[in-house]
Protein backbone atom coordinates (compact mmCIF):
# COMPACT_ATOMS: atom_id res chain seq x y z
CA MET A 1 0.00 0.00 0.00
CA VAL A 2 1.22 3.53 -0.86
CA SER A 3 -0.33 6.79 0.30
CA VAL A 4 0.55 10.46 0.71
CA ASN A 5 -0.40 12.40 3.82
CA LEU A 6 -0.86 16.16 3.49
CA GLN A 7 0.07 18.36 6.44
CA PRO A 8 -0.90 21.92 5.43
CA GLU A 9 0.71 23.74 8.38
CA HIS A 10 3.81 23.62 10.56
CA LYS A 11 2.87 21.98 13.86
CA ALA A 12 3.98 19.18 16.17
CA VAL A 13 1.59 16.63 14.67
CA LEU A 14 2.84 13.71 12.61
CA GLU A 15 -0.14 13.50 10.26
CA GLY A 16 -2.37 16.01 8.56
CA PRO A 17 -6.09 15.60 7.92
CA ASP A 18 -5.86 14.53 4.29
CA GLU A 19 -4.66 11.09 3.12
CA VAL A 20 -4.36 10.34 -0.59
CA VAL A 21 -4.21 6.61 -1.33
CA LEU A 22 -2.07 5.94 -4.39
CA HIS A 23 -2.06 2.13 -4.44
CA GLY A 24 -3.89 -0.63 -2.56
CA GLU A 25 -6.25 -0.39 0.40
CA THR A 26 -4.46 -2.10 3.30
CA LEU A 27 -1.08 -3.49 4.24
CA THR A 28 -1.24 -6.92 5.88
CA MET A 29 1.24 -7.76 8.63
CA GLN A 30 1.41 -11.36 9.83
CA VAL A 31 1.54 -11.43 13.63
CA ASN A 32 1.44 -14.98 14.98
CA GLU A 33 -1.55 -16.58 13.23
CA VAL A 34 -3.32 -13.22 12.73
CA GLY A 35 -2.94 -11.26 9.49
CA LEU A 36 -3.48 -7.73 10.79
CA HIS A 37 -4.75 -5.26 8.20
CA LEU A 38 -3.22 -1.78 8.41
CA ARG A 39 -4.75 1.29 6.83
CA PRO A 40 -3.20 4.79 6.82
CA GLN A 41 -3.30 6.58 10.19
CA SER A 42 -3.63 3.27 12.05
CA PHE A 43 -1.40 2.59 15.06
CA PHE A 44 0.75 -0.53 14.89
CA GLN A 45 3.72 -1.65 16.99
CA THR A 46 6.99 -0.87 15.23
CA ASN A 47 8.71 -4.20 15.94
CA THR A 48 6.59 -7.02 14.53
CA GLU A 49 8.52 -9.89 16.12
CA VAL A 50 8.37 -8.34 19.59
CA ALA A 51 4.73 -7.36 19.06
CA ALA A 52 3.99 -11.02 18.34
CA GLY A 53 5.59 -11.93 21.67
CA LEU A 54 3.58 -9.21 23.41
CA TYR A 55 0.29 -10.57 22.09
CA ARG A 56 1.27 -14.18 22.88
CA ALA A 57 2.11 -13.21 26.46
CA ALA A 58 -1.23 -11.43 26.80
CA ARG A 59 -3.09 -14.47 25.49
CA ASP A 60 -1.18 -16.87 27.74
CA TRP A 61 -1.59 -14.76 30.87
CA VAL A 62 -5.31 -14.30 30.29
CA ALA A 63 -5.73 -18.04 29.73
CA GLU A 64 -3.86 -18.76 32.97
CA HIS A 65 -5.32 -16.10 35.25
CA ALA A 66 -8.56 -14.90 33.63
CA GLY A 67 -9.68 -17.76 31.44
CA ASP A 68 -13.21 -17.35 32.74
CA ALA A 69 -13.48 -13.79 31.37
CA ARG A 70 -16.57 -13.62 29.16
CA ARG A 71 -16.63 -9.87 28.52
CA VAL A 72 -13.44 -8.08 27.49
CA TRP A 73 -12.73 -4.47 26.57
CA ASP A 74 -9.62 -3.57 24.57
CA LEU A 75 -9.20 0.18 25.09
CA TYR A 76 -6.83 2.11 22.79
CA CYS A 77 -7.07 -1.00 20.61
CA GLY A 78 -5.37 0.36 17.47
CA VAL A 79 -5.86 -2.20 14.70
CA GLY A 80 -7.10 -4.76 17.23
CA GLY A 81 -3.94 -6.69 18.09
CA PHE A 82 -4.93 -7.59 21.65
CA ALA A 83 -8.64 -8.05 20.91
CA LEU A 84 -8.02 -10.37 17.97
CA HIS A 85 -5.55 -12.49 19.95
CA LEU A 86 -7.91 -12.73 22.94
CA ALA A 87 -10.97 -13.71 20.90
CA ALA A 88 -12.38 -17.04 22.12
CA PRO A 89 -15.62 -19.03 21.91
CA GLY A 90 -18.19 -17.70 24.37
CA ARG A 91 -16.27 -14.44 24.90
CA ARG A 92 -17.54 -11.00 23.82
CA THR A 93 -14.73 -8.56 23.11
CA THR A 94 -15.11 -4.85 22.35
CA GLY A 95 -12.22 -2.83 20.94
CA VAL A 96 -12.31 0.97 21.30
CA GLU A 97 -10.04 3.33 19.36
CA VAL A 98 -10.30 7.01 18.41
CA SER A 99 -8.86 6.42 14.89
CA ALA A 100 -11.62 5.50 12.45
CA GLU A 101 -9.05 4.09 10.03
CA ALA A 102 -7.69 1.74 12.69
CA ILE A 103 -11.20 0.52 13.47
CA VAL A 104 -11.81 -0.24 9.78
CA SER A 105 -8.55 -2.21 9.82
CA ALA A 106 -9.60 -4.21 12.90
CA ARG A 107 -13.03 -5.00 11.47
CA THR A 108 -11.47 -6.12 8.19
CA THR A 109 -9.17 -8.56 9.99
CA ALA A 110 -11.97 -9.94 12.18
CA THR A 111 -14.18 -10.52 9.13
CA GLU A 112 -11.37 -12.18 7.19
CA LEU A 113 -10.65 -14.55 10.10
CA GLY A 114 -14.34 -15.34 10.58
CA LEU A 115 -14.20 -14.42 14.26
CA SER A 116 -17.45 -13.96 16.15
CA GLY A 117 -18.10 -12.10 19.38
CA LEU A 118 -15.94 -9.15 18.33
CA GLU A 119 -17.09 -5.52 18.14
CA PHE A 120 -14.97 -2.48 17.29
CA VAL A 121 -16.05 1.06 18.17
CA THR A 122 -14.64 4.42 17.05
CA ALA A 123 -14.54 6.54 20.22
CA ASP A 124 -12.28 8.10 22.82
CA ALA A 125 -11.42 5.26 25.22
CA THR A 126 -12.01 7.17 28.45
CA THR A 127 -15.23 8.84 27.31
CA TRP A 128 -16.61 5.52 26.07
CA ALA A 129 -15.70 3.58 29.22
CA LEU A 130 -17.19 6.17 31.56
CA ALA A 131 -20.46 6.09 29.61
CA GLN A 132 -20.99 2.33 30.07
CA ASP A 133 -23.50 0.99 32.58
CA ASP A 134 -21.31 -1.81 33.93
CA ALA A 135 -17.79 -3.19 33.75
CA PRO A 136 -16.48 -6.26 31.91
CA ASP A 137 -14.49 -9.16 33.33
CA LEU A 138 -11.22 -7.95 31.79
CA VAL A 139 -10.04 -4.56 30.56
CA VAL A 140 -6.98 -4.28 28.31
CA VAL A 141 -5.39 -0.83 28.02
CA ASN A 142 -2.59 0.10 25.63
CA PRO A 143 -2.40 3.90 25.90
CA PRO A 144 0.08 6.35 24.37
CA ARG A 145 3.02 7.58 26.47
CA ARG A 146 0.79 9.86 28.54
CA GLY A 147 -0.88 6.79 30.10
CA ILE A 148 -4.57 6.30 30.82
CA GLY A 149 -4.88 9.30 33.12
CA ALA A 150 -6.75 10.00 36.34
CA ASP A 151 -10.28 9.71 34.96
CA LEU A 152 -9.93 6.24 33.47
CA ALA A 153 -7.70 4.98 36.30
CA GLY A 154 -10.27 6.19 38.81
CA TRP A 155 -13.07 4.51 36.91
CA LEU A 156 -11.16 1.21 36.78
CA GLU A 157 -10.49 1.43 40.52
CA ARG A 158 -14.20 1.90 41.24
CA SER A 159 -15.52 -0.41 38.53
CA GLY A 160 -15.09 -3.78 40.22
CA THR A 161 -13.58 -5.31 37.08
CA PRO A 162 -11.46 -8.20 38.38
CA TYR A 163 -8.66 -8.10 35.76
CA VAL A 164 -6.74 -5.35 33.95
CA LEU A 165 -3.98 -5.97 31.41
CA TYR A 166 -1.86 -2.84 30.97
CA SER A 167 0.59 -2.47 28.06
CA SER A 168 2.79 0.60 28.51
CA CYS A 169 5.66 2.31 26.72
CA ASN A 170 6.36 4.69 29.63
CA ALA A 171 7.18 3.36 33.10
CA GLN A 172 6.62 6.75 34.74
CA THR A 173 3.01 7.10 33.61
CA LEU A 174 2.46 3.39 34.23
CA ALA A 175 3.59 3.80 37.85
CA ARG A 176 1.35 6.86 38.27
CA ASP A 177 -1.67 5.00 36.90
CA LEU A 178 -1.02 1.91 39.04
CA ALA A 179 -0.83 4.11 42.14
CA ALA A 180 -4.32 5.39 41.30
CA MET A 181 -5.66 1.80 41.21
CA PRO A 182 -4.53 0.34 44.57
CA SER A 183 -7.24 -2.35 44.56
CA LEU A 184 -5.70 -3.85 41.41
CA ARG A 185 -2.42 -5.59 42.27
CA PRO A 186 0.26 -6.62 39.75
CA VAL A 187 0.68 -10.41 39.53
CA ARG A 188 2.68 -10.70 36.29
CA ALA A 189 4.99 -8.28 34.49
CA GLN A 190 7.32 -8.47 31.53
CA LEU A 191 9.60 -5.96 29.83
CA LEU A 192 9.85 -6.30 26.05
CA ASP A 193 12.65 -4.76 23.96
CA MET A 194 10.30 -3.21 21.42
CA PHE A 195 12.91 -0.64 20.34
CA PRO A 196 16.34 -2.37 20.28
CA GLN A 197 19.45 -0.24 20.87
CA THR A 198 17.37 2.57 22.39
CA GLY A 199 16.18 3.38 25.88
CA HIS A 200 12.58 2.69 24.92
CA TYR A 201 10.59 -0.46 25.67
CA GLU A 202 7.14 -1.97 26.15
CA ALA A 203 6.01 -3.22 29.56
CA LEU A 204 3.11 -5.64 30.04
CA VAL A 205 1.50 -5.90 33.48
CA LEU A 206 -1.42 -8.08 34.58
CA LEU A 207 -3.45 -6.66 37.48
CA VAL A 208 -5.86 -8.70 39.60
CA ARG A 209 -8.31 -7.23 42.10
């Protein structure tokens, strides 16, 4: 796939509002057994091999600690990496992402794989979560470097959801968010070298109430 993004003004934003597709519709990246479709302006982990390990760890940890989870939210879901790897018979999974292009990508992959019980919603993760009437069995969060913030962390603390899986690229905001959710205790953690030969990383933490 080839596209051109137009940024009409000088500002600290990577992408402008206009995307001109020159060739193809999606780029498919094979991650484990999932062929993830990527459209322009869709978030995807930069290191595919390490991303595959990240999603495998998430799937294994959930199977071990939260295998009974029947309702799952994947907040900041991007193109659906976590949601698609956690899909299972009898489980309803909802992915939420502010990028409409990423949601189209996630839906395309789910349809191609013939997966049922998956729903993808274009919305701000915090606004969407706070508007729901009840909490699921498991919440996955994979926020940008700023973390999930006080509003969502406070909602998770009050929600009663028994499991939270937090994928973070910033230990400082991760620590801040965990401090705001004292009822949810870390039981598993792993550091992944997502950005070799740099000081950056991805951390995966499983929290249990």
